[in-house]
Amino acid sequence: MEPGRPRESDDAAANARALSAARLAAVQAIYQMEMGGTAPDTVIAEFVHVRGGAELDEGDLAAGEGRYEADRALLGELVKGVAAHRAELDGLISALLVAGWPIERIEKVMVAILRAGAFELLYRPAVPARVVINEYVDLAHAFFDAKEAGMVNGVLDRMARNLRAPEMDGDGRAAKAVE
């Protein structure tokens, strides 16, 4: 290994933190779109340019020390994808909620987390379902107490079992990859 060159494991960890930061920024952007009616391109531009790049602070998630710039490609894909497929995602989420508890009654940040997680489960099959679930449960912990994080876990787990049954069956060995 060359002196001063990061190890591959350091690169992988930095990449994982950039992806986590992108998911956090996407949830915030999706929430902003919901509350203010902001267009996806506008909110992405704000996160990337006006805010100087979306970043994950060590206090936001238990991802390590320091600040990590978000993966801009994933941020854009999540925000635009959720906006484009909102009705479909809401249908998937609503089908898994307790009867009599419509999506409109759920706190808007929670809905943003569920929409982003649902989008990844549906449209990003290269990302293991268990990784998606863990990422969004971690995000829920950043905003809510354990009860709400448990709800995110339950909804996304049931959704993954519906959408990716072969992957979710068994012991999960195929889902050890990190993204």
N, C-alpha and C. Protein backbone atom coordinates (compact mmCIF):
# COMPACT_ATOMS: atom_id res chain seq x y z
N MET A 1 0.84 -1.17 0.00
CA MET A 1 0.00 0.00 0.00
C MET A 1 0.89 1.24 0.00
N GLU A 2 0.50 2.22 -0.80
CA GLU A 2 1.27 3.45 -0.88
C GLU A 2 1.02 4.32 0.35
N PRO A 3 2.10 4.97 0.86
CA PRO A 3 1.90 5.86 2.00
C PRO A 3 0.95 7.00 1.61
N GLY A 4 0.07 7.34 2.53
CA GLY A 4 -0.87 8.44 2.31
C GLY A 4 -2.10 8.05 1.51
N ARG A 5 -2.10 6.84 0.96
CA ARG A 5 -3.27 6.37 0.21
C ARG A 5 -4.18 5.62 1.16
N PRO A 6 -5.50 5.97 1.16
CA PRO A 6 -6.42 5.27 2.07
C PRO A 6 -6.53 3.79 1.71
N ARG A 7 -6.74 2.99 2.71
CA ARG A 7 -6.98 1.57 2.49
C ARG A 7 -8.34 1.40 1.85
N GLU A 8 -8.53 0.27 1.15
CA GLU A 8 -9.81 0.01 0.51
C GLU A 8 -10.94 0.01 1.52
N SER A 9 -10.70 -0.51 2.72
CA SER A 9 -11.75 -0.53 3.74
C SER A 9 -12.11 0.89 4.16
N ASP A 10 -11.12 1.80 4.16
CA ASP A 10 -11.41 3.20 4.46
C ASP A 10 -12.27 3.81 3.36
N ASP A 11 -11.96 3.47 2.10
CA ASP A 11 -12.75 3.96 0.97
C ASP A 11 -14.18 3.44 1.06
N ALA A 12 -14.34 2.17 1.39
CA ALA A 12 -15.67 1.58 1.50
C ALA A 12 -16.47 2.24 2.63
N ALA A 13 -15.81 2.48 3.74
CA ALA A 13 -16.50 3.12 4.86
C ALA A 13 -16.89 4.55 4.52
N ALA A 14 -16.01 5.27 3.84
CA ALA A 14 -16.33 6.64 3.42
C ALA A 14 -17.49 6.64 2.43
N ASN A 15 -17.50 5.68 1.52
CA ASN A 15 -18.60 5.56 0.56
C ASN A 15 -19.92 5.26 1.28
N ALA A 16 -19.88 4.37 2.24
CA ALA A 16 -21.09 4.03 3.00
C ALA A 16 -21.62 5.26 3.74
N ARG A 17 -20.71 6.05 4.31
CA ARG A 17 -21.15 7.27 5.01
C ARG A 17 -21.73 8.29 4.04
N ALA A 18 -21.16 8.38 2.83
CA ALA A 18 -21.70 9.30 1.82
C ALA A 18 -23.10 8.87 1.39
N LEU A 19 -23.34 7.57 1.31
CA LEU A 19 -24.66 7.07 0.97
C LEU A 19 -25.65 7.32 2.10
N SER A 20 -25.22 7.12 3.34
CA SER A 20 -26.08 7.41 4.49
C SER A 20 -26.42 8.90 4.54
N ALA A 21 -25.43 9.73 4.28
CA ALA A 21 -25.66 11.19 4.26
C ALA A 21 -26.65 11.56 3.17
N ALA A 22 -26.56 10.90 2.02
CA ALA A 22 -27.49 11.17 0.92
C ALA A 22 -28.91 10.78 1.32
N ARG A 23 -29.05 9.68 2.02
CA ARG A 23 -30.38 9.25 2.47
C ARG A 23 -30.96 10.24 3.47
N LEU A 24 -30.14 10.71 4.38
CA LEU A 24 -30.60 11.71 5.34
C LEU A 24 -31.02 12.99 4.62
N ALA A 25 -30.19 13.47 3.72
CA ALA A 25 -30.52 14.69 2.97
C ALA A 25 -31.78 14.48 2.13
N ALA A 26 -31.93 13.29 1.55
CA ALA A 26 -33.12 13.01 0.74
C ALA A 26 -34.38 13.06 1.59
N VAL A 27 -34.34 12.48 2.78
CA VAL A 27 -35.50 12.53 3.66
C VAL A 27 -35.84 13.98 4.00
N GLN A 28 -34.83 14.78 4.29
CA GLN A 28 -35.07 16.20 4.58
C GLN A 28 -35.64 16.92 3.36
N ALA A 29 -35.13 16.61 2.18
CA ALA A 29 -35.60 17.25 0.95
C ALA A 29 -37.04 16.82 0.63
N ILE A 30 -37.34 15.54 0.82
CA ILE A 30 -38.69 15.03 0.58
C ILE A 30 -39.67 15.70 1.54
N TYR A 31 -39.26 15.85 2.77
CA TYR A 31 -40.08 16.57 3.76
C TYR A 31 -40.30 18.01 3.31
N GLN A 32 -39.25 18.65 2.86
CA GLN A 32 -39.36 20.05 2.40
C GLN A 32 -40.30 20.15 1.20
N MET A 33 -40.23 19.20 0.28
CA MET A 33 -41.14 19.21 -0.86
C MET A 33 -42.58 19.06 -0.40
N GLU A 34 -42.81 18.19 0.56
CA GLU A 34 -44.15 17.95 1.08
C GLU A 34 -44.72 19.19 1.78
N MET A 35 -43.90 19.83 2.57
CA MET A 35 -44.37 20.97 3.37
C MET A 35 -44.51 22.25 2.55
N GLY A 36 -43.61 22.44 1.57
CA GLY A 36 -43.62 23.70 0.84
C GLY A 36 -44.01 23.60 -0.62
N GLY A 37 -44.26 22.40 -1.09
CA GLY A 37 -44.61 22.23 -2.49
C GLY A 37 -43.45 22.54 -3.42
N THR A 38 -42.24 22.43 -2.92
CA THR A 38 -41.05 22.73 -3.71
C THR A 38 -40.80 21.62 -4.74
N ALA A 39 -40.41 22.00 -5.94
CA ALA A 39 -40.11 21.04 -7.00
C ALA A 39 -38.82 20.28 -6.68
N PRO A 40 -38.72 19.02 -7.13
CA PRO A 40 -37.53 18.22 -6.83
C PRO A 40 -36.21 18.89 -7.25
N ASP A 41 -36.14 19.42 -8.46
CA ASP A 41 -34.89 20.04 -8.91
C ASP A 41 -34.50 21.24 -8.05
N THR A 42 -35.50 21.99 -7.63
CA THR A 42 -35.25 23.16 -6.78
C THR A 42 -34.69 22.75 -5.43
N VAL A 43 -35.31 21.76 -4.81
CA VAL A 43 -34.87 21.34 -3.48
C VAL A 43 -33.50 20.66 -3.56
N ILE A 44 -33.24 19.90 -4.61
CA ILE A 44 -31.92 19.28 -4.78
C ILE A 44 -30.86 20.36 -4.93
N ALA A 45 -31.14 21.35 -5.77
CA ALA A 45 -30.19 22.45 -5.97
C ALA A 45 -29.91 23.17 -4.66
N GLU A 46 -30.94 23.35 -3.86
CA GLU A 46 -30.74 24.01 -2.56
C GLU A 46 -29.83 23.19 -1.67
N PHE A 47 -30.05 21.90 -1.62
CA PHE A 47 -29.22 21.05 -0.76
C PHE A 47 -27.78 20.99 -1.25
N VAL A 48 -27.60 20.96 -2.56
CA VAL A 48 -26.25 20.80 -3.11
C VAL A 48 -25.50 22.12 -3.18
N HIS A 49 -26.16 23.19 -3.62
CA HIS A 49 -25.47 24.45 -3.86
C HIS A 49 -25.64 25.47 -2.74
N VAL A 50 -26.85 25.73 -2.33
CA VAL A 50 -27.09 26.77 -1.33
C VAL A 50 -26.56 26.36 0.03
N ARG A 51 -26.77 25.11 0.38
CA ARG A 51 -26.32 24.63 1.69
C ARG A 51 -24.86 24.17 1.65
N GLY A 52 -24.24 24.30 0.49
CA GLY A 52 -22.83 23.93 0.38
C GLY A 52 -22.61 22.44 0.35
N GLY A 53 -23.62 21.70 -0.06
CA GLY A 53 -23.51 20.23 -0.10
C GLY A 53 -24.16 19.65 1.13
N ALA A 54 -24.94 18.65 0.91
CA ALA A 54 -25.60 17.99 2.03
C ALA A 54 -24.54 17.19 2.79
N GLU A 55 -24.56 17.30 4.09
CA GLU A 55 -23.56 16.60 4.90
C GLU A 55 -24.22 15.86 6.03
N LEU A 56 -23.56 14.82 6.45
CA LEU A 56 -23.95 14.03 7.60
C LEU A 56 -23.01 14.37 8.73
N ASP A 57 -23.54 14.87 9.80
CA ASP A 57 -22.75 15.18 10.98
C ASP A 57 -22.74 13.95 11.86
N GLU A 58 -21.67 13.75 12.60
CA GLU A 58 -21.57 12.56 13.45
C GLU A 58 -22.74 12.46 14.41
N GLY A 59 -23.38 13.56 14.77
CA GLY A 59 -24.53 13.53 15.66
C GLY A 59 -25.81 13.11 14.98
N ASP A 60 -25.85 13.17 13.63
CA ASP A 60 -27.07 12.82 12.91
C ASP A 60 -27.35 11.33 12.95
N LEU A 61 -26.33 10.54 12.77
CA LEU A 61 -26.45 9.09 12.79
C LEU A 61 -25.20 8.52 13.46
N ALA A 62 -25.30 7.30 13.89
CA ALA A 62 -24.14 6.66 14.49
C ALA A 62 -23.24 6.12 13.39
N ALA A 63 -22.73 7.00 12.54
CA ALA A 63 -21.95 6.56 11.38
C ALA A 63 -20.46 6.78 11.55
N GLY A 64 -20.05 7.29 12.67
CA GLY A 64 -18.63 7.54 12.86
C GLY A 64 -18.38 8.98 13.22
N GLU A 65 -17.15 9.39 13.14
CA GLU A 65 -16.79 10.75 13.53
C GLU A 65 -16.67 11.64 12.31
N GLY A 66 -16.84 12.93 12.53
CA GLY A 66 -16.63 13.90 11.48
C GLY A 66 -17.87 14.20 10.67
N ARG A 67 -17.66 14.89 9.55
CA ARG A 67 -18.75 15.24 8.64
C ARG A 67 -18.48 14.57 7.30
N TYR A 68 -19.55 14.13 6.67
CA TYR A 68 -19.41 13.39 5.42
C TYR A 68 -20.34 13.98 4.38
N GLU A 69 -19.79 14.33 3.24
CA GLU A 69 -20.61 14.89 2.17
C GLU A 69 -21.46 13.78 1.56
N ALA A 70 -22.71 14.13 1.26
CA ALA A 70 -23.64 13.17 0.69
C ALA A 70 -23.27 12.82 -0.74
N ASP A 71 -23.58 11.60 -1.11
CA ASP A 71 -23.46 11.15 -2.49
C ASP A 71 -24.56 11.86 -3.28
N ARG A 72 -24.15 12.78 -4.14
CA ARG A 72 -25.12 13.62 -4.85
C ARG A 72 -25.98 12.83 -5.83
N ALA A 73 -25.41 11.82 -6.44
CA ALA A 73 -26.19 11.01 -7.39
C ALA A 73 -27.34 10.30 -6.67
N LEU A 74 -27.05 9.72 -5.52
CA LEU A 74 -28.10 9.04 -4.76
C LEU A 74 -29.13 10.04 -4.25
N LEU A 75 -28.67 11.17 -3.77
CA LEU A 75 -29.60 12.22 -3.31
C LEU A 75 -30.58 12.57 -4.42
N GLY A 76 -30.08 12.84 -5.61
CA GLY A 76 -30.94 13.20 -6.72
C GLY A 76 -31.88 12.07 -7.11
N GLU A 77 -31.35 10.85 -7.15
CA GLU A 77 -32.18 9.71 -7.53
C GLU A 77 -33.33 9.51 -6.55
N LEU A 78 -33.04 9.62 -5.26
CA LEU A 78 -34.08 9.41 -4.25
C LEU A 78 -35.14 10.51 -4.31
N VAL A 79 -34.72 11.76 -4.35
CA VAL A 79 -35.68 12.87 -4.34
C VAL A 79 -36.55 12.85 -5.60
N LYS A 80 -35.92 12.71 -6.75
CA LYS A 80 -36.69 12.69 -8.00
C LYS A 80 -37.55 11.43 -8.10
N GLY A 81 -37.02 10.31 -7.65
CA GLY A 81 -37.77 9.06 -7.71
C GLY A 81 -38.99 9.07 -6.82
N VAL A 82 -38.84 9.58 -5.60
CA VAL A 82 -39.99 9.66 -4.70
C VAL A 82 -41.03 10.61 -5.27
N ALA A 83 -40.60 11.72 -5.82
CA ALA A 83 -41.55 12.67 -6.41
C ALA A 83 -42.30 12.04 -7.59
N ALA A 84 -41.59 11.32 -8.44
CA ALA A 84 -42.19 10.73 -9.63
C ALA A 84 -43.12 9.56 -9.31
N HIS A 85 -42.86 8.85 -8.24
CA HIS A 85 -43.61 7.63 -7.92
C HIS A 85 -44.39 7.75 -6.61
N ARG A 86 -44.67 8.96 -6.21
CA ARG A 86 -45.29 9.20 -4.90
C ARG A 86 -46.58 8.40 -4.70
N ALA A 87 -47.49 8.45 -5.66
CA ALA A 87 -48.77 7.76 -5.51
C ALA A 87 -48.57 6.25 -5.35
N GLU A 88 -47.67 5.68 -6.15
CA GLU A 88 -47.39 4.25 -6.06
C GLU A 88 -46.78 3.90 -4.69
N LEU A 89 -45.83 4.71 -4.24
CA LEU A 89 -45.18 4.47 -2.95
C LEU A 89 -46.18 4.60 -1.81
N ASP A 90 -47.03 5.62 -1.88
CA ASP A 90 -48.04 5.80 -0.83
C ASP A 90 -49.01 4.62 -0.79
N GLY A 91 -49.33 4.06 -1.96
CA GLY A 91 -50.20 2.89 -2.00
C GLY A 91 -49.55 1.69 -1.32
N LEU A 92 -48.27 1.48 -1.58
CA LEU A 92 -47.55 0.38 -0.95
C LEU A 92 -47.50 0.57 0.57
N ILE A 93 -47.21 1.79 0.99
CA ILE A 93 -47.12 2.08 2.43
C ILE A 93 -48.49 1.93 3.09
N SER A 94 -49.51 2.52 2.48
CA SER A 94 -50.86 2.49 3.06
C SER A 94 -51.36 1.07 3.24
N ALA A 95 -51.02 0.19 2.31
CA ALA A 95 -51.47 -1.19 2.39
C ALA A 95 -50.89 -1.92 3.61
N LEU A 96 -49.81 -1.39 4.17
CA LEU A 96 -49.15 -2.04 5.29
C LEU A 96 -49.43 -1.38 6.64
N LEU A 97 -50.19 -0.29 6.62
CA LEU A 97 -50.52 0.41 7.86
C LEU A 97 -51.71 -0.24 8.54
N VAL A 98 -51.83 -0.01 9.81
CA VAL A 98 -52.95 -0.52 10.58
C VAL A 98 -54.24 0.08 10.01
N ALA A 99 -55.27 -0.74 9.92
CA ALA A 99 -56.55 -0.27 9.40
C ALA A 99 -57.03 0.94 10.20
N GLY A 100 -57.54 1.91 9.51
CA GLY A 100 -58.03 3.11 10.17
C GLY A 100 -56.95 4.13 10.47
N TRP A 101 -55.74 3.87 10.01
CA TRP A 101 -54.63 4.79 10.24
C TRP A 101 -54.05 5.19 8.88
N PRO A 102 -54.70 6.14 8.21
CA PRO A 102 -54.25 6.52 6.86
C PRO A 102 -52.90 7.25 6.91
N ILE A 103 -52.23 7.22 5.78
CA ILE A 103 -50.91 7.84 5.67
C ILE A 103 -50.96 9.32 6.04
N GLU A 104 -52.09 9.96 5.81
CA GLU A 104 -52.24 11.39 6.11
C GLU A 104 -52.13 11.68 7.61
N ARG A 105 -52.34 10.68 8.45
CA ARG A 105 -52.25 10.87 9.90
C ARG A 105 -50.84 10.70 10.44
N ILE A 106 -49.94 10.21 9.61
CA ILE A 106 -48.57 9.96 10.04
C ILE A 106 -47.76 11.25 9.93
N GLU A 107 -46.88 11.48 10.88
CA GLU A 107 -46.01 12.66 10.88
C GLU A 107 -45.25 12.72 9.57
N LYS A 108 -45.11 13.92 9.02
CA LYS A 108 -44.56 14.11 7.67
C LYS A 108 -43.10 13.63 7.52
N VAL A 109 -42.30 13.75 8.56
CA VAL A 109 -40.92 13.24 8.47
C VAL A 109 -40.95 11.71 8.38
N MET A 110 -41.85 11.10 9.14
CA MET A 110 -41.99 9.65 9.10
C MET A 110 -42.42 9.21 7.70
N VAL A 111 -43.35 9.93 7.09
CA VAL A 111 -43.79 9.61 5.73
C VAL A 111 -42.62 9.74 4.76
N ALA A 112 -41.81 10.77 4.92
CA ALA A 112 -40.64 10.96 4.04
C ALA A 112 -39.68 9.78 4.18
N ILE A 113 -39.46 9.31 5.38
CA ILE A 113 -38.58 8.15 5.62
C ILE A 113 -39.16 6.91 4.94
N LEU A 114 -40.45 6.68 5.13
CA LEU A 114 -41.09 5.51 4.54
C LEU A 114 -41.10 5.57 3.02
N ARG A 115 -41.36 6.74 2.46
CA ARG A 115 -41.35 6.88 0.99
C ARG A 115 -39.97 6.61 0.42
N ALA A 116 -38.94 7.16 1.03
CA ALA A 116 -37.59 6.94 0.53
C ALA A 116 -37.21 5.46 0.64
N GLY A 117 -37.53 4.84 1.77
CA GLY A 117 -37.24 3.42 1.94
C GLY A 117 -38.01 2.57 0.94
N ALA A 118 -39.28 2.89 0.73
CA ALA A 118 -40.10 2.16 -0.23
C ALA A 118 -39.54 2.31 -1.64
N PHE A 119 -39.10 3.52 -1.98
CA PHE A 119 -38.51 3.74 -3.30
C PHE A 119 -37.29 2.85 -3.50
N GLU A 120 -36.43 2.81 -2.50
CA GLU A 120 -35.23 1.97 -2.64
C GLU A 120 -35.57 0.50 -2.76
N LEU A 121 -36.53 0.04 -1.97
CA LEU A 121 -36.91 -1.37 -2.06
C LEU A 121 -37.48 -1.71 -3.43
N LEU A 122 -38.22 -0.78 -4.01
CA LEU A 122 -38.89 -1.03 -5.27
C LEU A 122 -38.00 -0.80 -6.49
N TYR A 123 -37.20 0.27 -6.45
CA TYR A 123 -36.48 0.71 -7.64
C TYR A 123 -34.96 0.60 -7.57
N ARG A 124 -34.42 0.11 -6.47
CA ARG A 124 -32.96 -0.05 -6.36
C ARG A 124 -32.66 -1.49 -5.91
N PRO A 125 -32.96 -2.45 -6.77
CA PRO A 125 -32.80 -3.86 -6.38
C PRO A 125 -31.36 -4.27 -6.11
N ALA A 126 -30.38 -3.52 -6.57
CA ALA A 126 -28.99 -3.86 -6.31
C ALA A 126 -28.61 -3.63 -4.85
N VAL A 127 -29.39 -2.81 -4.16
CA VAL A 127 -29.13 -2.56 -2.74
C VAL A 127 -29.89 -3.63 -1.95
N PRO A 128 -29.18 -4.41 -1.15
CA PRO A 128 -29.87 -5.45 -0.38
C PRO A 128 -30.99 -4.88 0.49
N ALA A 129 -32.10 -5.59 0.53
CA ALA A 129 -33.27 -5.13 1.29
C ALA A 129 -32.92 -4.87 2.76
N ARG A 130 -32.13 -5.73 3.35
CA ARG A 130 -31.79 -5.55 4.76
C ARG A 130 -30.96 -4.28 4.98
N VAL A 131 -30.16 -3.92 4.00
CA VAL A 131 -29.40 -2.67 4.08
C VAL A 131 -30.36 -1.49 4.03
N VAL A 132 -31.32 -1.54 3.11
CA VAL A 132 -32.31 -0.46 3.01
C VAL A 132 -33.05 -0.31 4.33
N ILE A 133 -33.53 -1.41 4.87
CA ILE A 133 -34.28 -1.37 6.13
C ILE A 133 -33.42 -0.78 7.24
N ASN A 134 -32.20 -1.26 7.39
CA ASN A 134 -31.31 -0.76 8.45
C ASN A 134 -31.03 0.73 8.30
N GLU A 135 -30.78 1.17 7.08
CA GLU A 135 -30.49 2.59 6.85
C GLU A 135 -31.66 3.47 7.29
N TYR A 136 -32.87 3.09 6.92
CA TYR A 136 -34.02 3.93 7.25
C TYR A 136 -34.47 3.79 8.70
N VAL A 137 -34.22 2.66 9.32
CA VAL A 137 -34.45 2.54 10.76
C VAL A 137 -33.48 3.46 11.50
N ASP A 138 -32.21 3.49 11.06
CA ASP A 138 -31.24 4.42 11.66
C ASP A 138 -31.70 5.86 11.50
N LEU A 139 -32.22 6.20 10.31
CA LEU A 139 -32.73 7.55 10.10
C LEU A 139 -33.90 7.85 11.03
N ALA A 140 -34.79 6.88 11.20
CA ALA A 140 -35.92 7.08 12.10
C ALA A 140 -35.43 7.36 13.52
N HIS A 141 -34.39 6.66 13.95
CA HIS A 141 -33.82 6.91 15.28
C HIS A 141 -33.26 8.33 15.40
N ALA A 142 -32.79 8.89 14.29
CA ALA A 142 -32.25 10.25 14.32
C ALA A 142 -33.35 11.29 14.56
N PHE A 143 -34.59 10.96 14.21
CA PHE A 143 -35.70 11.90 14.34
C PHE A 143 -36.69 11.55 15.43
N PHE A 144 -36.80 10.26 15.77
CA PHE A 144 -37.88 9.79 16.64
C PHE A 144 -37.36 8.86 17.72
N ASP A 145 -38.30 8.46 18.58
CA ASP A 145 -38.01 7.48 19.62
C ASP A 145 -38.08 6.07 19.04
N ALA A 146 -37.81 5.09 19.88
CA ALA A 146 -37.75 3.70 19.45
C ALA A 146 -39.08 3.21 18.88
N LYS A 147 -40.19 3.68 19.41
CA LYS A 147 -41.51 3.24 18.93
C LYS A 147 -41.69 3.54 17.45
N GLU A 148 -41.35 4.75 17.04
CA GLU A 148 -41.50 5.15 15.65
C GLU A 148 -40.49 4.41 14.76
N ALA A 149 -39.27 4.24 15.27
CA ALA A 149 -38.27 3.49 14.51
C ALA A 149 -38.74 2.05 14.31
N GLY A 150 -39.40 1.51 15.31
CA GLY A 150 -39.98 0.17 15.20
C GLY A 150 -41.05 0.11 14.12
N MET A 151 -41.81 1.18 13.99
CA MET A 151 -42.83 1.22 12.94
C MET A 151 -42.17 1.21 11.56
N VAL A 152 -41.11 2.00 11.39
CA VAL A 152 -40.38 2.02 10.12
C VAL A 152 -39.84 0.62 9.83
N ASN A 153 -39.27 -0.02 10.83
CA ASN A 153 -38.75 -1.38 10.66
C ASN A 153 -39.86 -2.32 10.23
N GLY A 154 -40.99 -2.27 10.90
CA GLY A 154 -42.09 -3.17 10.59
C GLY A 154 -42.64 -2.97 9.19
N VAL A 155 -42.88 -1.71 8.82
CA VAL A 155 -43.45 -1.42 7.50
C VAL A 155 -42.47 -1.82 6.40
N LEU A 156 -41.21 -1.40 6.51
CA LEU A 156 -40.25 -1.71 5.47
C LEU A 156 -39.92 -3.20 5.40
N ASP A 157 -39.90 -3.88 6.54
CA ASP A 157 -39.65 -5.32 6.54
C ASP A 157 -40.79 -6.05 5.82
N ARG A 158 -42.03 -5.71 6.13
CA ARG A 158 -43.17 -6.36 5.45
C ARG A 158 -43.15 -6.04 3.96
N MET A 159 -42.81 -4.79 3.62
CA MET A 159 -42.74 -4.40 2.22
C MET A 159 -41.66 -5.20 1.50
N ALA A 160 -40.51 -5.34 2.13
CA ALA A 160 -39.41 -6.11 1.52
C ALA A 160 -39.81 -7.57 1.34
N ARG A 161 -40.54 -8.12 2.28
CA ARG A 161 -40.99 -9.52 2.16
C ARG A 161 -41.99 -9.67 1.02
N ASN A 162 -42.76 -8.62 0.75
CA ASN A 162 -43.70 -8.64 -0.38
C ASN A 162 -42.98 -8.44 -1.71
N LEU A 163 -42.06 -7.48 -1.75
CA LEU A 163 -41.41 -7.10 -3.01
C LEU A 163 -40.21 -7.97 -3.35
N ARG A 164 -39.53 -8.46 -2.33
CA ARG A 164 -38.27 -9.20 -2.54
C ARG A 164 -38.26 -10.50 -1.74
N ALA A 165 -39.32 -11.25 -1.86
CA ALA A 165 -39.48 -12.46 -1.06
C ALA A 165 -38.27 -13.39 -1.13
N PRO A 166 -37.74 -13.70 -2.32
CA PRO A 166 -36.59 -14.63 -2.35
C PRO A 166 -35.39 -14.11 -1.56
N GLU A 167 -35.16 -12.82 -1.64
CA GLU A 167 -34.03 -12.23 -0.92
C GLU A 167 -34.25 -12.25 0.59
N MET A 168 -35.49 -12.07 1.02
CA MET A 168 -35.79 -11.97 2.45
C MET A 168 -35.97 -13.34 3.10
N ASP A 169 -36.19 -14.37 2.30
CA ASP A 169 -36.31 -15.72 2.85
C ASP A 169 -34.94 -16.23 3.23
N GLY A 170 -34.87 -17.08 4.19
CA GLY A 170 -33.60 -17.68 4.57
C GLY A 170 -32.89 -16.89 5.64
N ASP A 171 -31.58 -17.07 5.70
CA ASP A 171 -30.80 -16.50 6.79
C ASP A 171 -30.20 -15.14 6.49
N GLY A 172 -30.43 -14.61 5.29
CA GLY A 172 -29.95 -13.27 5.00
C GLY A 172 -28.51 -13.18 4.59
N ARG A 173 -27.85 -14.30 4.34
CA ARG A 173 -26.43 -14.25 3.98
C ARG A 173 -26.17 -13.44 2.73
N ALA A 174 -27.09 -13.45 1.80
CA ALA A 174 -26.90 -12.69 0.56
C ALA A 174 -27.01 -11.19 0.79
N ALA A 175 -27.52 -10.79 1.92
CA ALA A 175 -27.76 -9.37 2.18
C ALA A 175 -26.66 -8.74 3.02
N LYS A 176 -25.49 -9.33 3.06
CA LYS A 176 -24.40 -8.80 3.88
C LYS A 176 -23.68 -7.62 3.24
N ALA A 177 -23.87 -7.39 1.95
CA ALA A 177 -23.19 -6.28 1.28
C ALA A 177 -23.66 -4.96 1.87
N VAL A 178 -22.82 -3.97 1.78
CA VAL A 178 -23.15 -2.67 2.36
C VAL A 178 -23.23 -1.64 1.25
N GLU A 179 -24.32 -0.89 1.25
CA GLU A 179 -24.42 0.27 0.37
C GLU A 179 -25.08 1.37 1.14
